[in-house]
Structure formats: C-alpha cells, structure tokens
Amino acid sequence: MALWDRLKESAQTMQAQLEERRNELRGGAFRDASMAMCALVAAADGTVDPAERRRVAYLITHNEVLKNFPADELRDLFEGWLDRLAADHERGRADALEEIAKVRRKPLEARAAVQIGIVIGGADGRFDLGERAVLREACQVLDLLPHEFDL
C-alpha cells in the first residue's frame, strides 16, 4: 500500500475514533490545544496562503468532533494563532506548543489534539514532512509516542 493511501486510511480511522469519543471532548483546554495544533500544521511550511487559511477554517468548522464548540469561536482562535505565527513564527510556535502542552495530563484530549492535526494535515491530499515534523514535536510536548500515530 502506498504511503499516502496508508496515511489517508489512518486519518479516516482517527476521525472515526474521535467521533466515537465526541461527547468526552468538550473542554476548553482541548478546544484551545486543537486550534493551536491546526494553526501549527497549516503553517508547517512557514507560510499560510489565503486559500489554505480558508480551507483549514472550513475543515475546522465542519469537523464533527469540533462541532461541540461555536464555529465562530473556533475560527477566531485559529485565525489568532495564524496571526501570531505570521508575526513571529518562532515565538508563535513556542506559544502554540505551550498551549498544546496544557492537555498533557488529559490523555484522551492529548491524543485527540494530535488526531485533529493529522486529519487537518492530510485533508489536502498531501501529508508533507513539515506537517509530520510539527506533529512529532507536539507528541513530544504531550508525552506521546509519535509511532502511535504513524508519524
């Protein structure tokens, strides 16, 4: 099986797992970590063009698991993280990882935040090395093993 096919299948499986646990993923820390994760994945190559910004914002607001939260709230958080990353990428990255680390002691939320990042990363039909690297780094701050997620 080709790498992309395996990753696509993995992302679909992760989305299904997230949907099964949707009612347990209602906390503000999960919401905030997920939006920081989505911004990091979107900006993994150092830039986010307007089309990518719109596409990821659309995916966020239409994700079944994230429907636990108001769409405008999610979009504002995501856009805020992207603005921080654009203003000072290294500082924004450090701040986003710090936000993500807040769910470290909540295993379900920590894994779900990584899974959301994988779903977003693979949504465009590519799951590039930069996106994978960002997700591996997030796994480190969450005390998760990247191989659990095929990273």
N, C-alpha and C. Protein backbone atom coordinates (compact mmCIF):
# COMPACT_ATOMS: atom_id res chain seq x y z
N MET A 1 0.86 -1.18 0.00
CA MET A 1 0.00 0.00 0.00
C MET A 1 0.90 1.24 0.00
N ALA A 2 0.61 2.19 -0.83
CA ALA A 2 1.39 3.42 -0.93
C ALA A 2 1.30 4.20 0.38
N LEU A 3 2.35 4.97 0.64
CA LEU A 3 2.40 5.76 1.88
C LEU A 3 1.18 6.64 2.03
N TRP A 4 0.81 7.36 0.95
CA TRP A 4 -0.34 8.28 1.07
C TRP A 4 -1.62 7.50 1.37
N ASP A 5 -1.82 6.35 0.73
CA ASP A 5 -3.02 5.56 0.99
C ASP A 5 -3.07 5.13 2.45
N ARG A 6 -1.92 4.74 2.99
CA ARG A 6 -1.86 4.33 4.40
C ARG A 6 -2.18 5.52 5.32
N LEU A 7 -1.63 6.69 5.01
CA LEU A 7 -1.89 7.88 5.82
C LEU A 7 -3.34 8.32 5.72
N LYS A 8 -3.90 8.23 4.52
CA LYS A 8 -5.30 8.61 4.32
C LYS A 8 -6.21 7.69 5.14
N GLU A 9 -5.92 6.39 5.08
CA GLU A 9 -6.69 5.43 5.84
C GLU A 9 -6.55 5.68 7.34
N SER A 10 -5.34 6.01 7.77
CA SER A 10 -5.09 6.31 9.17
C SER A 10 -5.87 7.55 9.62
N ALA A 11 -5.88 8.59 8.78
CA ALA A 11 -6.62 9.81 9.12
C ALA A 11 -8.11 9.53 9.21
N GLN A 12 -8.63 8.70 8.32
CA GLN A 12 -10.05 8.35 8.37
C GLN A 12 -10.38 7.56 9.63
N THR A 13 -9.50 6.64 9.99
CA THR A 13 -9.68 5.86 11.21
C THR A 13 -9.67 6.78 12.43
N MET A 14 -8.72 7.71 12.44
CA MET A 14 -8.62 8.64 13.57
C MET A 14 -9.86 9.51 13.68
N GLN A 15 -10.38 9.97 12.55
CA GLN A 15 -11.60 10.78 12.58
C GLN A 15 -12.75 9.96 13.16
N ALA A 16 -12.87 8.71 12.77
CA ALA A 16 -13.92 7.85 13.30
C ALA A 16 -13.76 7.65 14.81
N GLN A 17 -12.52 7.45 15.27
CA GLN A 17 -12.27 7.30 16.70
C GLN A 17 -12.65 8.58 17.45
N LEU A 18 -12.33 9.72 16.87
CA LEU A 18 -12.68 10.99 17.51
C LEU A 18 -14.19 11.14 17.62
N GLU A 19 -14.89 10.79 16.56
CA GLU A 19 -16.34 10.93 16.57
C GLU A 19 -16.97 10.04 17.63
N GLU A 20 -16.39 8.87 17.86
CA GLU A 20 -16.91 7.97 18.89
C GLU A 20 -16.78 8.59 20.29
N ARG A 21 -15.76 9.40 20.49
CA ARG A 21 -15.49 9.99 21.81
C ARG A 21 -15.92 11.46 21.88
N ARG A 22 -16.65 11.91 20.89
CA ARG A 22 -17.02 13.32 20.76
C ARG A 22 -17.57 13.93 22.05
N ASN A 23 -18.45 13.23 22.72
CA ASN A 23 -19.09 13.79 23.92
C ASN A 23 -18.12 13.99 25.07
N GLU A 24 -16.97 13.34 25.01
CA GLU A 24 -15.96 13.50 26.05
C GLU A 24 -14.98 14.63 25.74
N LEU A 25 -15.11 15.22 24.57
CA LEU A 25 -14.15 16.24 24.12
C LEU A 25 -14.85 17.60 24.06
N ARG A 26 -15.21 18.10 25.22
CA ARG A 26 -15.95 19.36 25.30
C ARG A 26 -15.21 20.46 26.06
N GLY A 27 -14.03 20.16 26.57
CA GLY A 27 -13.32 21.12 27.42
C GLY A 27 -12.63 22.23 26.65
N GLY A 28 -12.50 23.35 27.32
CA GLY A 28 -11.83 24.50 26.73
C GLY A 28 -10.37 24.24 26.43
N ALA A 29 -9.69 23.45 27.26
CA ALA A 29 -8.28 23.16 27.01
C ALA A 29 -8.12 22.36 25.72
N PHE A 30 -9.03 21.42 25.48
CA PHE A 30 -8.99 20.65 24.23
C PHE A 30 -9.25 21.56 23.03
N ARG A 31 -10.25 22.42 23.15
CA ARG A 31 -10.56 23.36 22.07
C ARG A 31 -9.34 24.21 21.73
N ASP A 32 -8.72 24.78 22.76
CA ASP A 32 -7.59 25.68 22.55
C ASP A 32 -6.38 24.93 21.99
N ALA A 33 -6.11 23.74 22.52
CA ALA A 33 -4.98 22.94 22.02
C ALA A 33 -5.21 22.53 20.57
N SER A 34 -6.43 22.17 20.25
CA SER A 34 -6.74 21.76 18.88
C SER A 34 -6.57 22.90 17.89
N MET A 35 -6.96 24.10 18.26
CA MET A 35 -6.82 25.24 17.35
C MET A 35 -5.35 25.63 17.20
N ALA A 36 -4.58 25.54 18.28
CA ALA A 36 -3.14 25.79 18.17
C ALA A 36 -2.51 24.73 17.27
N MET A 37 -2.94 23.49 17.42
CA MET A 37 -2.42 22.40 16.60
C MET A 37 -2.75 22.63 15.13
N CYS A 38 -3.99 22.99 14.84
CA CYS A 38 -4.39 23.23 13.45
C CYS A 38 -3.56 24.35 12.83
N ALA A 39 -3.31 25.41 13.58
CA ALA A 39 -2.50 26.52 13.06
C ALA A 39 -1.07 26.07 12.82
N LEU A 40 -0.50 25.31 13.74
CA LEU A 40 0.87 24.81 13.54
C LEU A 40 0.97 23.94 12.30
N VAL A 41 0.01 23.07 12.11
CA VAL A 41 0.02 22.20 10.94
C VAL A 41 -0.15 23.02 9.67
N ALA A 42 -1.06 23.96 9.67
CA ALA A 42 -1.29 24.80 8.49
C ALA A 42 -0.06 25.62 8.14
N ALA A 43 0.68 26.06 9.16
CA ALA A 43 1.86 26.91 8.94
C ALA A 43 3.16 26.12 8.96
N ALA A 44 3.08 24.82 8.84
CA ALA A 44 4.27 23.97 8.95
C ALA A 44 5.34 24.32 7.93
N ASP A 45 4.94 24.81 6.77
CA ASP A 45 5.93 25.17 5.74
C ASP A 45 6.41 26.61 5.88
N GLY A 46 5.95 27.30 6.92
CA GLY A 46 6.39 28.67 7.17
C GLY A 46 5.45 29.74 6.66
N THR A 47 4.50 29.36 5.82
CA THR A 47 3.53 30.32 5.30
C THR A 47 2.15 29.68 5.24
N VAL A 48 1.15 30.54 5.21
CA VAL A 48 -0.22 30.09 5.02
C VAL A 48 -0.87 31.07 4.04
N ASP A 49 -1.12 30.58 2.83
CA ASP A 49 -1.74 31.47 1.86
C ASP A 49 -3.24 31.57 2.15
N PRO A 50 -3.91 32.60 1.65
CA PRO A 50 -5.33 32.81 1.94
C PRO A 50 -6.22 31.61 1.61
N ALA A 51 -5.92 30.91 0.52
CA ALA A 51 -6.74 29.75 0.15
C ALA A 51 -6.60 28.63 1.19
N GLU A 52 -5.37 28.40 1.65
CA GLU A 52 -5.15 27.37 2.67
C GLU A 52 -5.83 27.77 3.98
N ARG A 53 -5.75 29.04 4.31
CA ARG A 53 -6.39 29.56 5.52
C ARG A 53 -7.89 29.28 5.49
N ARG A 54 -8.51 29.58 4.36
CA ARG A 54 -9.95 29.36 4.21
C ARG A 54 -10.29 27.87 4.27
N ARG A 55 -9.47 27.06 3.60
CA ARG A 55 -9.72 25.62 3.56
C ARG A 55 -9.65 25.01 4.95
N VAL A 56 -8.62 25.35 5.71
CA VAL A 56 -8.48 24.79 7.05
C VAL A 56 -9.59 25.33 7.97
N ALA A 57 -9.92 26.62 7.85
CA ALA A 57 -11.02 27.17 8.65
C ALA A 57 -12.32 26.43 8.35
N TYR A 58 -12.55 26.12 7.08
CA TYR A 58 -13.74 25.37 6.70
C TYR A 58 -13.72 23.98 7.33
N LEU A 59 -12.59 23.29 7.23
CA LEU A 59 -12.48 21.95 7.80
C LEU A 59 -12.72 21.96 9.31
N ILE A 60 -12.19 22.97 9.97
CA ILE A 60 -12.36 23.08 11.42
C ILE A 60 -13.83 23.23 11.78
N THR A 61 -14.50 24.13 11.09
CA THR A 61 -15.89 24.42 11.45
C THR A 61 -16.86 23.33 11.00
N HIS A 62 -16.40 22.40 10.16
CA HIS A 62 -17.26 21.32 9.70
C HIS A 62 -16.84 19.95 10.24
N ASN A 63 -15.86 19.92 11.13
CA ASN A 63 -15.42 18.68 11.73
C ASN A 63 -16.44 18.28 12.80
N GLU A 64 -16.92 17.05 12.73
CA GLU A 64 -17.96 16.58 13.66
C GLU A 64 -17.55 16.71 15.13
N VAL A 65 -16.32 16.43 15.44
CA VAL A 65 -15.86 16.48 16.84
C VAL A 65 -15.82 17.92 17.32
N LEU A 66 -15.37 18.81 16.46
CA LEU A 66 -15.23 20.21 16.86
C LEU A 66 -16.56 20.95 16.86
N LYS A 67 -17.63 20.31 16.41
CA LYS A 67 -18.96 20.94 16.44
C LYS A 67 -19.47 21.11 17.87
N ASN A 68 -18.73 20.59 18.85
CA ASN A 68 -19.07 20.83 20.26
C ASN A 68 -18.87 22.30 20.62
N PHE A 69 -18.17 23.04 19.76
CA PHE A 69 -17.82 24.42 20.05
C PHE A 69 -18.40 25.33 18.96
N PRO A 70 -18.72 26.58 19.32
CA PRO A 70 -19.24 27.51 18.31
C PRO A 70 -18.23 27.73 17.19
N ALA A 71 -18.70 27.66 15.96
CA ALA A 71 -17.83 27.78 14.79
C ALA A 71 -17.06 29.10 14.78
N ASP A 72 -17.73 30.19 15.13
CA ASP A 72 -17.05 31.50 15.14
C ASP A 72 -15.92 31.53 16.15
N GLU A 73 -16.13 30.90 17.27
CA GLU A 73 -15.10 30.82 18.31
C GLU A 73 -13.89 30.05 17.81
N LEU A 74 -14.12 28.92 17.17
CA LEU A 74 -13.03 28.12 16.62
C LEU A 74 -12.27 28.90 15.55
N ARG A 75 -13.01 29.53 14.66
CA ARG A 75 -12.38 30.29 13.58
C ARG A 75 -11.53 31.43 14.15
N ASP A 76 -12.05 32.14 15.17
CA ASP A 76 -11.30 33.24 15.78
C ASP A 76 -10.02 32.73 16.45
N LEU A 77 -10.11 31.61 17.15
CA LEU A 77 -8.91 31.04 17.78
C LEU A 77 -7.88 30.63 16.74
N PHE A 78 -8.33 29.95 15.71
CA PHE A 78 -7.44 29.50 14.64
C PHE A 78 -6.78 30.71 13.97
N GLU A 79 -7.57 31.69 13.60
CA GLU A 79 -7.03 32.89 12.95
C GLU A 79 -6.04 33.61 13.87
N GLY A 80 -6.36 33.67 15.16
CA GLY A 80 -5.45 34.30 16.12
C GLY A 80 -4.10 33.61 16.16
N TRP A 81 -4.13 32.27 16.16
CA TRP A 81 -2.87 31.53 16.15
C TRP A 81 -2.10 31.76 14.86
N LEU A 82 -2.79 31.78 13.74
CA LEU A 82 -2.11 32.04 12.47
C LEU A 82 -1.48 33.43 12.45
N ASP A 83 -2.19 34.40 13.00
CA ASP A 83 -1.65 35.77 13.06
C ASP A 83 -0.39 35.81 13.92
N ARG A 84 -0.41 35.10 15.04
CA ARG A 84 0.77 35.05 15.91
C ARG A 84 1.95 34.38 15.21
N LEU A 85 1.67 33.32 14.48
CA LEU A 85 2.73 32.62 13.75
C LEU A 85 3.28 33.49 12.63
N ALA A 86 2.43 34.26 11.99
CA ALA A 86 2.88 35.14 10.90
C ALA A 86 3.70 36.30 11.44
N ALA A 87 3.33 36.81 12.60
CA ALA A 87 4.04 37.95 13.18
C ALA A 87 5.44 37.57 13.65
N ASP A 88 5.57 36.43 14.27
CA ASP A 88 6.86 35.95 14.78
C ASP A 88 6.75 34.42 14.86
N HIS A 89 7.19 33.78 13.80
CA HIS A 89 6.97 32.34 13.68
C HIS A 89 7.54 31.54 14.86
N GLU A 90 8.76 31.83 15.25
CA GLU A 90 9.37 31.05 16.34
C GLU A 90 8.66 31.27 17.67
N ARG A 91 8.34 32.51 17.98
CA ARG A 91 7.63 32.79 19.23
C ARG A 91 6.21 32.21 19.19
N GLY A 92 5.54 32.39 18.05
CA GLY A 92 4.20 31.83 17.90
C GLY A 92 4.19 30.32 18.01
N ARG A 93 5.21 29.68 17.44
CA ARG A 93 5.35 28.23 17.52
C ARG A 93 5.53 27.78 18.96
N ALA A 94 6.41 28.48 19.68
CA ALA A 94 6.65 28.15 21.09
C ALA A 94 5.38 28.33 21.91
N ASP A 95 4.67 29.41 21.66
CA ASP A 95 3.41 29.67 22.39
C ASP A 95 2.36 28.61 22.06
N ALA A 96 2.27 28.23 20.79
CA ALA A 96 1.30 27.21 20.39
C ALA A 96 1.61 25.87 21.05
N LEU A 97 2.88 25.51 21.08
CA LEU A 97 3.27 24.25 21.73
C LEU A 97 2.98 24.30 23.23
N GLU A 98 3.16 25.47 23.81
CA GLU A 98 2.83 25.64 25.24
C GLU A 98 1.32 25.45 25.46
N GLU A 99 0.52 25.98 24.55
CA GLU A 99 -0.94 25.82 24.64
C GLU A 99 -1.31 24.35 24.48
N ILE A 100 -0.71 23.69 23.54
CA ILE A 100 -0.96 22.27 23.31
C ILE A 100 -0.58 21.44 24.54
N ALA A 101 0.52 21.80 25.17
CA ALA A 101 1.01 21.06 26.34
C ALA A 101 0.03 21.09 27.51
N LYS A 102 -0.91 22.01 27.51
CA LYS A 102 -1.88 22.12 28.61
C LYS A 102 -2.79 20.90 28.70
N VAL A 103 -2.87 20.10 27.64
CA VAL A 103 -3.71 18.89 27.71
C VAL A 103 -2.86 17.64 27.96
N ARG A 104 -1.60 17.82 28.28
CA ARG A 104 -0.69 16.69 28.51
C ARG A 104 -1.23 15.71 29.54
N ARG A 105 -1.81 16.20 30.58
CA ARG A 105 -2.28 15.33 31.67
C ARG A 105 -3.69 14.77 31.42
N LYS A 106 -4.22 15.02 30.23
CA LYS A 106 -5.54 14.51 29.84
C LYS A 106 -5.33 13.66 28.59
N PRO A 107 -5.03 12.37 28.78
CA PRO A 107 -4.65 11.52 27.65
C PRO A 107 -5.63 11.52 26.48
N LEU A 108 -6.91 11.48 26.75
CA LEU A 108 -7.89 11.48 25.66
C LEU A 108 -7.79 12.77 24.86
N GLU A 109 -7.72 13.90 25.55
CA GLU A 109 -7.64 15.19 24.87
C GLU A 109 -6.31 15.36 24.14
N ALA A 110 -5.23 14.88 24.75
CA ALA A 110 -3.91 14.98 24.11
C ALA A 110 -3.90 14.19 22.81
N ARG A 111 -4.36 12.96 22.86
CA ARG A 111 -4.40 12.14 21.64
C ARG A 111 -5.35 12.74 20.60
N ALA A 112 -6.46 13.24 21.06
CA ALA A 112 -7.44 13.83 20.14
C ALA A 112 -6.86 15.07 19.46
N ALA A 113 -6.11 15.88 20.17
CA ALA A 113 -5.50 17.07 19.55
C ALA A 113 -4.53 16.66 18.45
N VAL A 114 -3.74 15.61 18.68
CA VAL A 114 -2.83 15.12 17.64
C VAL A 114 -3.64 14.57 16.47
N GLN A 115 -4.68 13.82 16.76
CA GLN A 115 -5.51 13.26 15.70
C GLN A 115 -6.16 14.36 14.85
N ILE A 116 -6.61 15.42 15.49
CA ILE A 116 -7.18 16.57 14.75
C ILE A 116 -6.10 17.13 13.82
N GLY A 117 -4.89 17.27 14.33
CA GLY A 117 -3.79 17.78 13.50
C GLY A 117 -3.52 16.89 12.30
N ILE A 118 -3.60 15.58 12.49
CA ILE A 118 -3.38 14.64 11.39
C ILE A 118 -4.50 14.75 10.36
N VAL A 119 -5.72 14.85 10.83
CA VAL A 119 -6.86 15.00 9.92
C VAL A 119 -6.71 16.27 9.08
N ILE A 120 -6.33 17.36 9.73
CA ILE A 120 -6.14 18.64 9.02
C ILE A 120 -4.95 18.52 8.05
N GLY A 121 -3.87 17.93 8.52
CA GLY A 121 -2.68 17.80 7.68
C GLY A 121 -2.91 16.98 6.43
N GLY A 122 -3.72 15.96 6.52
CA GLY A 122 -3.95 15.10 5.37
C GLY A 122 -5.12 15.50 4.50
N ALA A 123 -5.83 16.54 4.89
CA ALA A 123 -7.05 16.91 4.17
C ALA A 123 -6.81 17.40 2.75
N ASP A 124 -5.63 17.90 2.46
CA ASP A 124 -5.36 18.42 1.12
C ASP A 124 -4.80 17.36 0.17
N GLY A 125 -4.76 16.12 0.63
CA GLY A 125 -4.25 15.06 -0.21
C GLY A 125 -2.76 14.84 -0.08
N ARG A 126 -2.11 15.67 0.73
CA ARG A 126 -0.67 15.53 0.99
C ARG A 126 -0.46 15.60 2.50
N PHE A 127 0.53 14.90 2.95
CA PHE A 127 0.90 14.96 4.37
C PHE A 127 2.41 15.10 4.36
N ASP A 128 2.87 16.34 4.21
CA ASP A 128 4.29 16.56 3.94
C ASP A 128 5.17 16.43 5.19
N LEU A 129 6.45 16.44 4.95
CA LEU A 129 7.42 16.23 6.03
C LEU A 129 7.33 17.32 7.10
N GLY A 130 7.07 18.55 6.71
CA GLY A 130 6.94 19.63 7.68
C GLY A 130 5.77 19.42 8.62
N GLU A 131 4.64 18.99 8.06
CA GLU A 131 3.46 18.71 8.89
C GLU A 131 3.74 17.55 9.84
N ARG A 132 4.39 16.53 9.33
CA ARG A 132 4.73 15.38 10.18
C ARG A 132 5.68 15.80 11.31
N ALA A 133 6.64 16.67 10.99
CA ALA A 133 7.61 17.13 11.99
C ALA A 133 6.91 17.93 13.09
N VAL A 134 5.98 18.79 12.71
CA VAL A 134 5.23 19.57 13.69
C VAL A 134 4.44 18.64 14.61
N LEU A 135 3.82 17.64 14.03
CA LEU A 135 3.03 16.71 14.83
C LEU A 135 3.91 15.86 15.75
N ARG A 136 5.10 15.49 15.28
CA ARG A 136 6.04 14.76 16.15
C ARG A 136 6.46 15.64 17.33
N GLU A 137 6.71 16.91 17.05
CA GLU A 137 7.09 17.84 18.12
C GLU A 137 5.95 17.99 19.13
N ALA A 138 4.72 18.07 18.63
CA ALA A 138 3.56 18.15 19.52
C ALA A 138 3.46 16.88 20.37
N CYS A 139 3.73 15.74 19.77
CA CYS A 139 3.72 14.49 20.54
C CYS A 139 4.73 14.56 21.69
N GLN A 140 5.89 15.13 21.42
CA GLN A 140 6.91 15.25 22.47
C GLN A 140 6.40 16.08 23.64
N VAL A 141 5.79 17.22 23.37
CA VAL A 141 5.32 18.06 24.47
C VAL A 141 4.14 17.43 25.19
N LEU A 142 3.46 16.50 24.51
CA LEU A 142 2.32 15.82 25.12
C LEU A 142 2.70 14.49 25.76
N ASP A 143 4.00 14.16 25.72
CA ASP A 143 4.48 12.87 26.25
C ASP A 143 3.81 11.68 25.56
N LEU A 144 3.60 11.81 24.25
CA LEU A 144 3.04 10.73 23.44
C LEU A 144 4.12 10.23 22.50
N LEU A 145 4.02 8.99 22.11
CA LEU A 145 4.97 8.40 21.18
C LEU A 145 4.48 8.62 19.74
N PRO A 146 5.28 9.30 18.91
CA PRO A 146 4.84 9.57 17.54
C PRO A 146 4.45 8.31 16.75
N HIS A 147 5.11 7.20 17.02
CA HIS A 147 4.77 5.98 16.25
C HIS A 147 3.35 5.49 16.52
N GLU A 148 2.74 5.91 17.65
CA GLU A 148 1.35 5.56 17.91
C GLU A 148 0.43 6.11 16.84
N PHE A 149 0.90 7.19 16.17
CA PHE A 149 0.11 7.88 15.16
C PHE A 149 0.70 7.71 13.76
N ASP A 150 1.59 6.77 13.61
CA ASP A 150 2.29 6.54 12.34
C ASP A 150 3.07 7.77 11.87
N LEU A 151 3.63 8.48 12.83
CA LEU A 151 4.44 9.66 12.50
C LEU A 151 5.91 9.29 12.56
